């Protein structure tokens, strides 16, 4: 099945997936904004930080790709980011759970709330 798509160039598939991520995240942000669930200050700060980080990441990866001539460096970067984000989610989730348990709170609720 994958042989049917060998004619697709890597830059085309990369650009297509980037546009899809942009559209889906923009749709989610729009939905949260319509429901008034977005703190505008935080959204602007994190959006700006994301744009600056993206530009720096593209510049660094382009430099390393040109210098080392090894596309595998992108896989290493992606793996590192995923590993870091997974670790941070676990750490902050544990910190939140410990804080709740120390305060004798329980945010877990049953599927069928009792009335």
PDB file of N, CA and C in Angstrom:
ATOM      1  N   UNK A   1       0.815  -1.187   0.000  1.00  0.00           N
ATOM      2  CA  UNK A   1       0.000   0.000   0.000  1.00  0.00           C
ATOM      3  C   UNK A   1       0.864   1.258   0.000  1.00  0.00           C
ATOM      4  N   UNK A   2       1.946   1.259   0.766  1.00  0.00           N
ATOM      5  CA  UNK A   2       2.790   2.435   0.811  1.00  0.00           C
ATOM      6  C   UNK A   2       3.489   2.691  -0.515  1.00  0.00           C
ATOM      7  N   UNK A   3       3.657   1.658  -1.318  1.00  0.00           N
ATOM      8  CA  UNK A   3       4.300   1.829  -2.607  1.00  0.00           C
ATOM      9  C   UNK A   3       3.510   2.740  -3.542  1.00  0.00           C
ATOM     10  N   UNK A   4       2.193   2.858  -3.317  1.00  0.00           N
ATOM     11  CA  UNK A   4       1.364   3.706  -4.161  1.00  0.00           C
ATOM     12  C   UNK A   4       1.690   5.184  -3.995  1.00  0.00           C
ATOM     13  N   UNK A   5       2.302   5.556  -2.877  1.00  0.00           N
ATOM     14  CA  UNK A   5       2.552   6.966  -2.588  1.00  0.00           C
ATOM     15  C   UNK A   5       4.027   7.347  -2.679  1.00  0.00           C
ATOM     16  N   UNK A   6       4.830   6.516  -3.328  1.00  0.00           N
ATOM     17  CA  UNK A   6       6.255   6.816  -3.449  1.00  0.00           C
ATOM     18  C   UNK A   6       6.518   8.056  -4.286  1.00  0.00           C
ATOM     19  N   UNK A   7       5.584   8.435  -5.123  1.00  0.00           N
ATOM     20  CA  UNK A   7       5.776   9.595  -5.992  1.00  0.00           C
ATOM     21  C   UNK A   7       5.647  10.903  -5.225  1.00  0.00           C
ATOM     22  N   UNK A   8       5.098  10.872  -4.014  1.00  0.00           N
ATOM     23  CA  UNK A   8       4.982  12.095  -3.218  1.00  0.00           C
ATOM     24  C   UNK A   8       6.354  12.494  -2.691  1.00  0.00           C
ATOM     25  N   UNK A   9       6.719  13.731  -2.922  1.00  0.00           N
ATOM     26  CA  UNK A   9       8.006  14.222  -2.448  1.00  0.00           C
ATOM     27  C   UNK A   9       7.928  14.509  -0.950  1.00  0.00           C
ATOM     28  N   UNK A  10       9.038  14.339  -0.272  1.00  0.00           N
ATOM     29  CA  UNK A  10       9.068  14.589   1.166  1.00  0.00           C
ATOM     30  C   UNK A  10       8.650  16.010   1.533  1.00  0.00           C
ATOM     31  N   UNK A  11       9.111  17.047   0.819  1.00  0.00           N
ATOM     32  CA  UNK A  11       8.677  18.400   1.179  1.00  0.00           C
ATOM     33  C   UNK A  11       7.166  18.604   1.043  1.00  0.00           C
ATOM     34  N   UNK A  12       6.542  17.917   0.088  1.00  0.00           N
ATOM     35  CA  UNK A  12       5.096  18.042  -0.103  1.00  0.00           C
ATOM     36  C   UNK A  12       4.357  17.433   1.073  1.00  0.00           C
ATOM     37  N   UNK A  13       4.752  16.244   1.491  1.00  0.00           N
ATOM     38  CA  UNK A  13       4.075  15.606   2.618  1.00  0.00           C
ATOM     39  C   UNK A  13       4.336  16.369   3.908  1.00  0.00           C
ATOM     40  N   UNK A  14       5.532  16.902   4.064  1.00  0.00           N
ATOM     41  CA  UNK A  14       5.845  17.680   5.260  1.00  0.00           C
ATOM     42  C   UNK A  14       5.016  18.963   5.309  1.00  0.00           C
ATOM     43  N   UNK A  15       4.918  19.657   4.190  1.00  0.00           N
ATOM     44  CA  UNK A  15       4.131  20.884   4.147  1.00  0.00           C
ATOM     45  C   UNK A  15       2.652  20.603   4.374  1.00  0.00           C
ATOM     46  N   UNK A  16       2.157  19.509   3.820  1.00  0.00           N
ATOM     47  CA  UNK A  16       0.750  19.149   3.994  1.00  0.00           C
ATOM     48  C   UNK A  16       0.440  18.852   5.459  1.00  0.00           C
ATOM     49  N   UNK A  17       1.299  18.093   6.109  1.00  0.00           N
ATOM     50  CA  UNK A  17       1.050  17.787   7.519  1.00  0.00           C
ATOM     51  C   UNK A  17       1.185  19.039   8.381  1.00  0.00           C
ATOM     52  N   UNK A  18       2.079  19.945   8.027  1.00  0.00           N
ATOM     53  CA  UNK A  18       2.219  21.197   8.773  1.00  0.00           C
ATOM     54  C   UNK A  18       0.963  22.044   8.648  1.00  0.00           C
ATOM     55  N   UNK A  19       0.403  22.114   7.455  1.00  0.00           N
ATOM     56  CA  UNK A  19      -0.829  22.879   7.256  1.00  0.00           C
ATOM     57  C   UNK A  19      -1.986  22.245   8.018  1.00  0.00           C
ATOM     58  N   UNK A  20      -2.046  20.925   8.046  1.00  0.00           N
ATOM     59  CA  UNK A  20      -3.118  20.249   8.789  1.00  0.00           C
ATOM     60  C   UNK A  20      -3.019  20.519  10.288  1.00  0.00           C
ATOM     61  N   UNK A  21      -1.797  20.533  10.821  1.00  0.00           N
ATOM     62  CA  UNK A  21      -1.612  20.852  12.239  1.00  0.00           C
ATOM     63  C   UNK A  21      -2.037  22.293  12.498  1.00  0.00           C
ATOM     64  N   UNK A  22      -1.668  23.202  11.599  1.00  0.00           N
ATOM     65  CA  UNK A  22      -2.055  24.605  11.744  1.00  0.00           C
ATOM     66  C   UNK A  22      -3.570  24.758  11.732  1.00  0.00           C
ATOM     67  N   UNK A  23      -4.241  24.100  10.804  1.00  0.00           N
ATOM     68  CA  UNK A  23      -5.694  24.214  10.708  1.00  0.00           C
ATOM     69  C   UNK A  23      -6.402  23.610  11.922  1.00  0.00           C
ATOM     70  N   UNK A  24      -5.949  22.446  12.367  1.00  0.00           N
ATOM     71  CA  UNK A  24      -6.626  21.817  13.505  1.00  0.00           C
ATOM     72  C   UNK A  24      -6.386  22.596  14.797  1.00  0.00           C
ATOM     73  N   UNK A  25      -5.188  23.118  14.995  1.00  0.00           N
ATOM     74  CA  UNK A  25      -4.945  23.895  16.211  1.00  0.00           C
ATOM     75  C   UNK A  25      -5.658  25.238  16.154  1.00  0.00           C
ATOM     76  N   UNK A  26      -5.767  25.833  14.974  1.00  0.00           N
ATOM     77  CA  UNK A  26      -6.517  27.084  14.830  1.00  0.00           C
ATOM     78  C   UNK A  26      -7.999  26.862  15.084  1.00  0.00           C
ATOM     79  N   UNK A  27      -8.523  25.743  14.633  1.00  0.00           N
ATOM     80  CA  UNK A  27      -9.930  25.429  14.886  1.00  0.00           C
ATOM     81  C   UNK A  27     -10.182  25.236  16.377  1.00  0.00           C
ATOM     82  N   UNK A  28      -9.271  24.555  17.059  1.00  0.00           N
ATOM     83  CA  UNK A  28      -9.429  24.358  18.505  1.00  0.00           C
ATOM     84  C   UNK A  28      -9.350  25.690  19.244  1.00  0.00           C
ATOM     85  N   UNK A  29      -8.401  26.535  18.855  1.00  0.00           N
ATOM     86  CA  UNK A  29      -8.275  27.847  19.494  1.00  0.00           C
ATOM     87  C   UNK A  29      -9.519  28.689  19.238  1.00  0.00           C
ATOM     88  N   UNK A  30     -10.046  28.643  18.031  1.00  0.00           N
ATOM     89  CA  UNK A  30     -11.264  29.394  17.713  1.00  0.00           C
ATOM     90  C   UNK A  30     -12.433  28.923  18.562  1.00  0.00           C
ATOM     91  N   UNK A  31     -12.547  27.611  18.725  1.00  0.00           N
ATOM     92  CA  UNK A  31     -13.637  27.071  19.542  1.00  0.00           C
ATOM     93  C   UNK A  31     -13.510  27.539  20.989  1.00  0.00           C
ATOM     94  N   UNK A  32     -12.306  27.484  21.544  1.00  0.00           N
ATOM     95  CA  UNK A  32     -12.112  27.946  22.921  1.00  0.00           C
ATOM     96  C   UNK A  32     -12.365  29.445  23.038  1.00  0.00           C
ATOM     97  N   UNK A  33     -11.987  30.219  22.023  1.00  0.00           N
ATOM     98  CA  UNK A  33     -12.211  31.664  22.062  1.00  0.00           C
ATOM     99  C   UNK A  33     -13.702  31.982  21.998  1.00  0.00           C
ATOM    100  N   UNK A  34     -14.447  31.257  21.163  1.00  0.00           N
ATOM    101  CA  UNK A  34     -15.885  31.480  21.058  1.00  0.00           C
ATOM    102  C   UNK A  34     -16.574  31.160  22.382  1.00  0.00           C
ATOM    103  N   UNK A  35     -16.102  30.124  23.068  1.00  0.00           N
ATOM    104  CA  UNK A  35     -16.678  29.744  24.352  1.00  0.00           C
ATOM    105  C   UNK A  35     -16.121  30.575  25.512  1.00  0.00           C
ATOM    106  N   UNK A  36     -15.259  31.530  25.200  1.00  0.00           N
ATOM    107  CA  UNK A  36     -14.624  32.418  26.191  1.00  0.00           C
ATOM    108  C   UNK A  36     -13.850  31.636  27.249  1.00  0.00           C
ATOM    109  N   UNK A  37     -13.093  30.647  26.799  1.00  0.00           N
ATOM    110  CA  UNK A  37     -12.286  29.837  27.693  1.00  0.00           C
ATOM    111  C   UNK A  37     -10.793  30.134  27.540  1.00  0.00           C
ATOM    112  N   UNK A  38     -10.451  31.200  26.812  1.00  0.00           N
ATOM    113  CA  UNK A  38      -9.058  31.520  26.547  1.00  0.00           C
ATOM    114  C   UNK A  38      -8.682  32.808  27.271  1.00  0.00           C
ATOM    115  N   UNK A  39      -7.589  32.755  28.017  1.00  0.00           N
ATOM    116  CA  UNK A  39      -7.024  33.961  28.608  1.00  0.00           C
ATOM    117  C   UNK A  39      -6.179  34.609  27.513  1.00  0.00           C
ATOM    118  N   UNK A  40      -6.589  35.767  27.030  1.00  0.00           N
ATOM    119  CA  UNK A  40      -5.946  36.392  25.875  1.00  0.00           C
ATOM    120  C   UNK A  40      -4.473  36.693  26.124  1.00  0.00           C
ATOM    121  N   UNK A  41      -4.133  37.125  27.323  1.00  0.00           N
ATOM    122  CA  UNK A  41      -2.730  37.439  27.621  1.00  0.00           C
ATOM    123  C   UNK A  41      -1.863  36.195  27.496  1.00  0.00           C
ATOM    124  N   UNK A  42      -2.302  35.098  28.113  1.00  0.00           N
ATOM    125  CA  UNK A  42      -1.549  33.849  28.005  1.00  0.00           C
ATOM    126  C   UNK A  42      -1.466  33.373  26.561  1.00  0.00           C
ATOM    127  N   UNK A  43      -2.556  33.494  25.838  1.00  0.00           N
ATOM    128  CA  UNK A  43      -2.564  33.042  24.446  1.00  0.00           C
ATOM    129  C   UNK A  43      -1.551  33.825  23.621  1.00  0.00           C
ATOM    130  N   UNK A  44      -1.484  35.138  23.826  1.00  0.00           N
ATOM    131  CA  UNK A  44      -0.530  35.956  23.075  1.00  0.00           C
ATOM    132  C   UNK A  44       0.914  35.654  23.473  1.00  0.00           C
ATOM    133  N   UNK A  45       1.161  35.487  24.765  1.00  0.00           N
ATOM    134  CA  UNK A  45       2.522  35.196  25.224  1.00  0.00           C
ATOM    135  C   UNK A  45       2.989  33.844  24.696  1.00  0.00           C
ATOM    136  N   UNK A  46       2.166  32.812  24.869  1.00  0.00           N
ATOM    137  CA  UNK A  46       2.572  31.483  24.419  1.00  0.00           C
ATOM    138  C   UNK A  46       2.585  31.373  22.894  1.00  0.00           C
ATOM    139  N   UNK A  47       1.684  32.091  22.214  1.00  0.00           N
ATOM    140  CA  UNK A  47       1.714  32.111  20.754  1.00  0.00           C
ATOM    141  C   UNK A  47       2.987  32.756  20.230  1.00  0.00           C
ATOM    142  N   UNK A  48       3.371  33.883  20.833  1.00  0.00           N
ATOM    143  CA  UNK A  48       4.618  34.542  20.436  1.00  0.00           C
ATOM    144  C   UNK A  48       5.832  33.679  20.719  1.00  0.00           C
ATOM    145  N   UNK A  49       5.849  33.055  21.904  1.00  0.00           N
ATOM    146  CA  UNK A  49       6.968  32.170  22.249  1.00  0.00           C
ATOM    147  C   UNK A  49       7.028  30.986  21.286  1.00  0.00           C
ATOM    148  N   UNK A  50       5.870  30.483  20.895  1.00  0.00           N
ATOM    149  CA  UNK A  50       5.844  29.375  19.940  1.00  0.00           C
ATOM    150  C   UNK A  50       6.378  29.763  18.576  1.00  0.00           C
ATOM    151  N   UNK A  51       6.028  30.983  18.124  1.00  0.00           N
ATOM    152  CA  UNK A  51       6.527  31.446  16.823  1.00  0.00           C
ATOM    153  C   UNK A  51       8.039  31.653  16.844  1.00  0.00           C
ATOM    154  N   UNK A  52       8.543  32.283  17.912  1.00  0.00           N
ATOM    155  CA  UNK A  52       9.991  32.505  18.019  1.00  0.00           C
ATOM    156  C   UNK A  52      10.720  31.165  18.097  1.00  0.00           C
ATOM    157  N   UNK A  53      10.191  30.240  18.886  1.00  0.00           N
ATOM    158  CA  UNK A  53      10.814  28.920  19.009  1.00  0.00           C
ATOM    159  C   UNK A  53      10.799  28.169  17.687  1.00  0.00           C
ATOM    160  N   UNK A  54       9.730  28.327  16.925  1.00  0.00           N
ATOM    161  CA  UNK A  54       9.651  27.668  15.623  1.00  0.00           C
ATOM    162  C   UNK A  54      10.709  28.203  14.669  1.00  0.00           C
ATOM    163  N   UNK A  55      10.859  29.521  14.629  1.00  0.00           N
ATOM    164  CA  UNK A  55      11.865  30.123  13.747  1.00  0.00           C
ATOM    165  C   UNK A  55      13.268  29.684  14.155  1.00  0.00           C
ATOM    166  N   UNK A  56      13.548  29.692  15.455  1.00  0.00           N
ATOM    167  CA  UNK A  56      14.867  29.247  15.917  1.00  0.00           C
ATOM    168  C   UNK A  56      15.093  27.765  15.627  1.00  0.00           C
ATOM    169  N   UNK A  57      14.067  26.943  15.818  1.00  0.00           N
ATOM    170  CA  UNK A  57      14.196  25.512  15.546  1.00  0.00           C
ATOM    171  C   UNK A  57      14.435  25.212  14.074  1.00  0.00           C
ATOM    172  N   UNK A  58      13.728  25.922  13.215  1.00  0.00           N
ATOM    173  CA  UNK A  58      13.934  25.725  11.768  1.00  0.00           C
ATOM    174  C   UNK A  58      15.326  26.178  11.364  1.00  0.00           C
ATOM    175  N   UNK A  59      15.769  27.315  11.906  1.00  0.00           N
ATOM    176  CA  UNK A  59      17.111  27.809  11.572  1.00  0.00           C
ATOM    177  C   UNK A  59      18.183  26.844  12.056  1.00  0.00           C
ATOM    178  N   UNK A  60      18.050  26.354  13.284  1.00  0.00           N
ATOM    179  CA  UNK A  60      19.038  25.420  13.829  1.00  0.00           C
ATOM    180  C   UNK A  60      19.046  24.103  13.072  1.00  0.00           C
ATOM    181  N   UNK A  61      17.862  23.563  12.791  1.00  0.00           N
ATOM    182  CA  UNK A  61      17.827  22.289  12.071  1.00  0.00           C
ATOM    183  C   UNK A  61      18.330  22.433  10.640  1.00  0.00           C
ATOM    184  N   UNK A  62      18.043  23.555   9.992  1.00  0.00           N
ATOM    185  CA  UNK A  62      18.567  23.787   8.636  1.00  0.00           C
ATOM    186  C   UNK A  62      20.083  23.879   8.654  1.00  0.00           C
ATOM    187  N   UNK A  63      20.620  24.570   9.650  1.00  0.00           N
ATOM    188  CA  UNK A  63      22.072  24.699   9.778  1.00  0.00           C
ATOM    189  C   UNK A  63      22.708  23.329   9.992  1.00  0.00           C
ATOM    190  N   UNK A  64      22.144  22.546  10.920  1.00  0.00           N
ATOM    191  CA  UNK A  64      22.717  21.234  11.197  1.00  0.00           C
ATOM    192  C   UNK A  64      22.575  20.276  10.024  1.00  0.00           C
ATOM    193  N   UNK A  65      21.442  20.361   9.310  1.00  0.00           N
ATOM    194  CA  UNK A  65      21.270  19.509   8.127  1.00  0.00           C
ATOM    195  C   UNK A  65      22.296  19.851   7.058  1.00  0.00           C
ATOM    196  N   UNK A  66      22.543  21.145   6.857  1.00  0.00           N
ATOM    197  CA  UNK A  66      23.521  21.557   5.841  1.00  0.00           C
ATOM    198  C   UNK A  66      24.940  21.188   6.268  1.00  0.00           C
ATOM    199  N   UNK A  67      25.231  21.316   7.544  1.00  0.00           N
ATOM    200  CA  UNK A  67      26.597  21.069   8.023  1.00  0.00           C
ATOM    201  C   UNK A  67      26.915  19.579   8.127  1.00  0.00           C
ATOM    202  N   UNK A  68      25.969  18.798   8.688  1.00  0.00           N
ATOM    203  CA  UNK A  68      26.228  17.380   8.922  1.00  0.00           C
ATOM    204  C   UNK A  68      25.784  16.488   7.765  1.00  0.00           C
ATOM    205  N   UNK A  69      24.841  16.993   6.961  1.00  0.00           N
ATOM    206  CA  UNK A  69      24.310  16.233   5.827  1.00  0.00           C
ATOM    207  C   UNK A  69      23.723  14.893   6.280  1.00  0.00           C
ATOM    208  N   UNK A  70      23.035  14.916   7.416  1.00  0.00           N
ATOM    209  CA  UNK A  70      22.398  13.708   7.956  1.00  0.00           C
ATOM    210  C   UNK A  70      20.971  14.048   8.358  1.00  0.00           C
ATOM    211  N   UNK A  71      19.981  13.616   7.588  1.00  0.00           N
ATOM    212  CA  UNK A  71      18.585  13.886   7.926  1.00  0.00           C
ATOM    213  C   UNK A  71      18.144  13.228   9.236  1.00  0.00           C
ATOM    214  N   UNK A  72      18.898  12.258   9.727  1.00  0.00           N
ATOM    215  CA  UNK A  72      18.515  11.573  10.961  1.00  0.00           C
ATOM    216  C   UNK A  72      18.545  12.520  12.162  1.00  0.00           C
ATOM    217  N   UNK A  73      19.204  13.661  12.042  1.00  0.00           N
ATOM    218  CA  UNK A  73      19.252  14.619  13.144  1.00  0.00           C
ATOM    219  C   UNK A  73      17.844  15.117  13.475  1.00  0.00           C
ATOM    220  N   UNK A  74      16.969  15.189  12.470  1.00  0.00           N
ATOM    221  CA  UNK A  74      15.592  15.607  12.712  1.00  0.00           C
ATOM    222  C   UNK A  74      14.838  14.587  13.549  1.00  0.00           C
ATOM    223  N   UNK A  75      15.097  13.321  13.318  1.00  0.00           N
ATOM    224  CA  UNK A  75      14.460  12.268  14.104  1.00  0.00           C
ATOM    225  C   UNK A  75      14.928  12.355  15.552  1.00  0.00           C
ATOM    226  N   UNK A  76      16.204  12.638  15.748  1.00  0.00           N
ATOM    227  CA  UNK A  76      16.735  12.770  17.103  1.00  0.00           C
ATOM    228  C   UNK A  76      16.100  13.962  17.808  1.00  0.00           C
ATOM    229  N   UNK A  77      15.962  15.102  17.103  1.00  0.00           N
ATOM    230  CA  UNK A  77      15.309  16.277  17.684  1.00  0.00           C
ATOM    231  C   UNK A  77      13.866  15.966  18.070  1.00  0.00           C
ATOM    232  N   UNK A  78      13.140  15.360  17.156  1.00  0.00           N
ATOM    233  CA  UNK A  78      11.737  15.037  17.409  1.00  0.00           C
ATOM    234  C   UNK A  78      11.600  14.076  18.583  1.00  0.00           C
ATOM    235  N   UNK A  79      12.451  13.072  18.639  1.00  0.00           N
ATOM    236  CA  UNK A  79      12.424  12.127  19.758  1.00  0.00           C
ATOM    237  C   UNK A  79      12.725  12.836  21.073  1.00  0.00           C
ATOM    238  N   UNK A  80      13.674  13.750  21.061  1.00  0.00           N
ATOM    239  CA  UNK A  80      14.015  14.499  22.271  1.00  0.00           C
ATOM    240  C   UNK A  80      12.865  15.355  22.759  1.00  0.00           C
ATOM    241  N   UNK A  81      12.194  16.030  21.832  1.00  0.00           N
ATOM    242  CA  UNK A  81      11.054  16.868  22.211  1.00  0.00           C
ATOM    243  C   UNK A  81       9.928  16.016  22.778  1.00  0.00           C
ATOM    244  N   UNK A  82       9.650  14.886  22.146  1.00  0.00           N
ATOM    245  CA  UNK A  82       8.585  14.010  22.635  1.00  0.00           C
ATOM    246  C   UNK A  82       8.941  13.420  24.001  1.00  0.00           C
ATOM    247  N   UNK A  83      10.185  13.039  24.191  1.00  0.00           N
ATOM    248  CA  UNK A  83      10.620  12.502  25.478  1.00  0.00           C
ATOM    249  C   UNK A  83      10.517  13.567  26.566  1.00  0.00           C
ATOM    250  N   UNK A  84      10.960  14.774  26.265  1.00  0.00           N
ATOM    251  CA  UNK A  84      10.885  15.873  27.231  1.00  0.00           C
ATOM    252  C   UNK A  84       9.438  16.195  27.590  1.00  0.00           C
ATOM    253  N   UNK A  85       8.566  16.279  26.585  1.00  0.00           N
ATOM    254  CA  UNK A  85       7.169  16.619  26.866  1.00  0.00           C
ATOM    255  C   UNK A  85       6.469  15.507  27.646  1.00  0.00           C
ATOM    256  N   UNK A  86       6.772  14.261  27.346  1.00  0.00           N
ATOM    257  CA  UNK A  86       6.196  13.153  28.095  1.00  0.00           C
ATOM    258  C   UNK A  86       6.650  13.192  29.549  1.00  0.00           C
ATOM    259  N   UNK A  87       7.912  13.457  29.753  1.00  0.00           N
ATOM    260  CA  UNK A  87       8.429  13.559  31.113  1.00  0.00           C
ATOM    261  C   UNK A  87       7.798  14.706  31.881  1.00  0.00           C
ATOM    262  N   UNK A  88       7.640  15.860  31.226  1.00  0.00           N
ATOM    263  CA  UNK A  88       7.030  17.011  31.895  1.00  0.00           C
ATOM    264  C   UNK A  88       5.571  16.762  32.246  1.00  0.00           C
ATOM    265  N   UNK A  89       4.839  16.104  31.368  1.00  0.00           N
ATOM    266  CA  UNK A  89       3.443  15.771  31.666  1.00  0.00           C
ATOM    267  C   UNK A  89       3.376  14.854  32.889  1.00  0.00           C
ATOM    268  N   UNK A  90       4.255  13.870  32.958  1.00  0.00           N
ATOM    269  CA  UNK A  90       4.268  12.962  34.110  1.00  0.00           C
ATOM    270  C   UNK A  90       4.626  13.703  35.395  1.00  0.00           C
ATOM    271  N   UNK A  91       5.645  14.554  35.346  1.00  0.00           N
ATOM    272  CA  UNK A  91       6.080  15.274  36.547  1.00  0.00           C
ATOM    273  C   UNK A  91       4.984  16.203  37.048  1.00  0.00           C
ATOM    274  N   UNK A  92       4.419  17.011  36.163  1.00  0.00           N
ATOM    275  CA  UNK A  92       3.391  17.949  36.601  1.00  0.00           C
ATOM    276  C   UNK A  92       2.099  17.242  37.008  1.00  0.00           C
ATOM    277  N   UNK A  93       1.779  16.135  36.381  1.00  0.00           N
ATOM    278  CA  UNK A  93       0.621  15.357  36.795  1.00  0.00           C
ATOM    279  C   UNK A  93       0.812  14.772  38.187  1.00  0.00           C
ATOM    280  N   UNK A  94       2.005  14.258  38.458  1.00  0.00           N
ATOM    281  CA  UNK A  94       2.306  13.741  39.786  1.00  0.00           C
ATOM    282  C   UNK A  94       2.268  14.845  40.840  1.00  0.00           C
ATOM    283  N   UNK A  95       2.827  16.006  40.507  1.00  0.00           N
ATOM    284  CA  UNK A  95       2.807  17.126  41.452  1.00  0.00           C
ATOM    285  C   UNK A  95       1.370  17.546  41.762  1.00  0.00           C
ATOM    286  N   UNK A  96       0.525  17.575  40.756  1.00  0.00           N
ATOM    287  CA  UNK A  96      -0.872  17.939  40.955  1.00  0.00           C
ATOM    288  C   UNK A  96      -1.593  16.894  41.804  1.00  0.00           C
ATOM    289  N   UNK A  97      -1.329  15.620  41.552  1.00  0.00           N
ATOM    290  CA  UNK A  97      -1.967  14.549  42.318  1.00  0.00           C
ATOM    291  C   UNK A  97      -1.529  14.591  43.776  1.00  0.00           C
ATOM    292  N   UNK A  98      -0.244  14.825  44.025  1.00  0.00           N
ATOM    293  CA  UNK A  98       0.249  14.892  45.397  1.00  0.00           C
ATOM    294  C   UNK A  98      -0.385  16.066  46.128  1.00  0.00           C
ATOM    295  N   UNK A  99      -0.497  17.215  45.452  1.00  0.00           N
ATOM    296  CA  UNK A  99      -1.117  18.389  46.070  1.00  0.00           C
ATOM    297  C   UNK A  99      -2.576  18.104  46.420  1.00  0.00           C
ATOM    298  N   UNK A 100      -3.294  17.457  45.523  1.00  0.00           N
ATOM    299  CA  UNK A 100      -4.696  17.114  45.799  1.00  0.00           C
ATOM    300  C   UNK A 100      -4.818  16.137  46.960  1.00  0.00           C
ATOM    301  N   UNK A 101      -3.960  15.139  46.985  1.00  0.00           N
ATOM    302  CA  UNK A 101      -4.044  14.140  48.051  1.00  0.00           C
ATOM    303  C   UNK A 101      -3.656  14.719  49.402  1.00  0.00           C
ATOM    304  N   UNK A 102      -2.700  15.641  49.425  1.00  0.00           N
ATOM    305  CA  UNK A 102      -2.320  16.276  50.681  1.00  0.00           C
ATOM    306  C   UNK A 102      -3.436  17.164  51.213  1.00  0.00           C
ATOM    307  N   UNK A 103      -4.215  17.753  50.328  1.00  0.00           N
ATOM    308  CA  UNK A 103      -5.334  18.596  50.730  1.00  0.00           C
ATOM    309  C   UNK A 103      -6.620  17.807  50.902  1.00  0.00           C
ATOM    310  N   UNK A 104      -6.518  16.480  50.852  1.00  0.00           N
ATOM    311  CA  UNK A 104      -7.678  15.593  50.990  1.00  0.00           C
ATOM    312  C   UNK A 104      -8.757  15.927  49.960  1.00  0.00           C
ATOM    313  N   UNK A 105      -8.327  16.239  48.760  1.00  0.00           N
ATOM    314  CA  UNK A 105      -9.256  16.500  47.667  1.00  0.00           C
ATOM    315  C   UNK A 105      -9.173  15.331  46.692  1.00  0.00           C
ATOM    316  N   UNK A 106     -10.243  15.149  45.965  1.00  0.00           N
ATOM    317  CA  UNK A 106     -10.261  14.092  44.964  1.00  0.00           C
ATOM    318  C   UNK A 106     -10.990  14.615  43.747  1.00  0.00           C
ATOM    319  N   UNK A 107     -10.256  14.848  42.674  1.00  0.00           N
ATOM    320  CA  UNK A 107     -10.897  15.364  41.473  1.00  0.00           C
ATOM    321  C   UNK A 107     -11.471  14.242  40.612  1.00  0.00           C
ATOM    322  N   UNK A 108     -11.206  12.993  40.979  1.00  0.00           N
ATOM    323  CA  UNK A 108     -11.764  11.866  40.242  1.00  0.00           C
ATOM    324  C   UNK A 108     -13.207  11.672  40.665  1.00  0.00           C
ATOM    325  N   UNK A 109     -14.081  11.551  39.674  1.00  0.00           N
ATOM    326  CA  UNK A 109     -15.492  11.356  39.964  1.00  0.00           C
ATOM    327  C   UNK A 109     -15.982  10.167  39.154  1.00  0.00           C
ATOM    328  N   UNK A 110     -17.060   9.585  39.626  1.00  0.00           N
ATOM    329  CA  UNK A 110     -17.624   8.441  38.933  1.00  0.00           C
ATOM    330  C   UNK A 110     -18.279   8.838  37.619  1.00  0.00           C
ATOM    331  N   UNK A 111     -18.551   7.854  36.798  1.00  0.00           N
ATOM    332  CA  UNK A 111     -19.210   8.125  35.518  1.00  0.00           C
ATOM    333  C   UNK A 111     -20.663   8.535  35.709  1.00  0.00           C
ATOM    334  N   UNK A 112     -21.305   7.995  36.725  1.00  0.00           N
ATOM    335  CA  UNK A 112     -22.710   8.318  37.001  1.00  0.00           C
ATOM    336  C   UNK A 112     -22.787   9.082  38.313  1.00  0.00           C
ATOM    337  N   UNK A 113     -22.859  10.401  38.241  1.00  0.00           N
ATOM    338  CA  UNK A 113     -22.887  11.164  39.493  1.00  0.00           C
ATOM    339  C   UNK A 113     -24.167  10.883  40.270  1.00  0.00           C
ATOM    340  N   UNK A 114     -24.007  10.821  41.573  1.00  0.00           N
ATOM    341  CA  UNK A 114     -25.171  10.595  42.426  1.00  0.00           C
ATOM    342  C   UNK A 114     -25.864  11.924  42.722  1.00  0.00           C
ATOM    343  N   UNK A 115     -27.167  11.884  42.809  1.00  0.00           N
ATOM    344  CA  UNK A 115     -27.885  13.135  43.058  1.00  0.00           C
ATOM    345  C   UNK A 115     -28.530  13.170  44.413  1.00  0.00           C
TER     346      UNK A 115
END
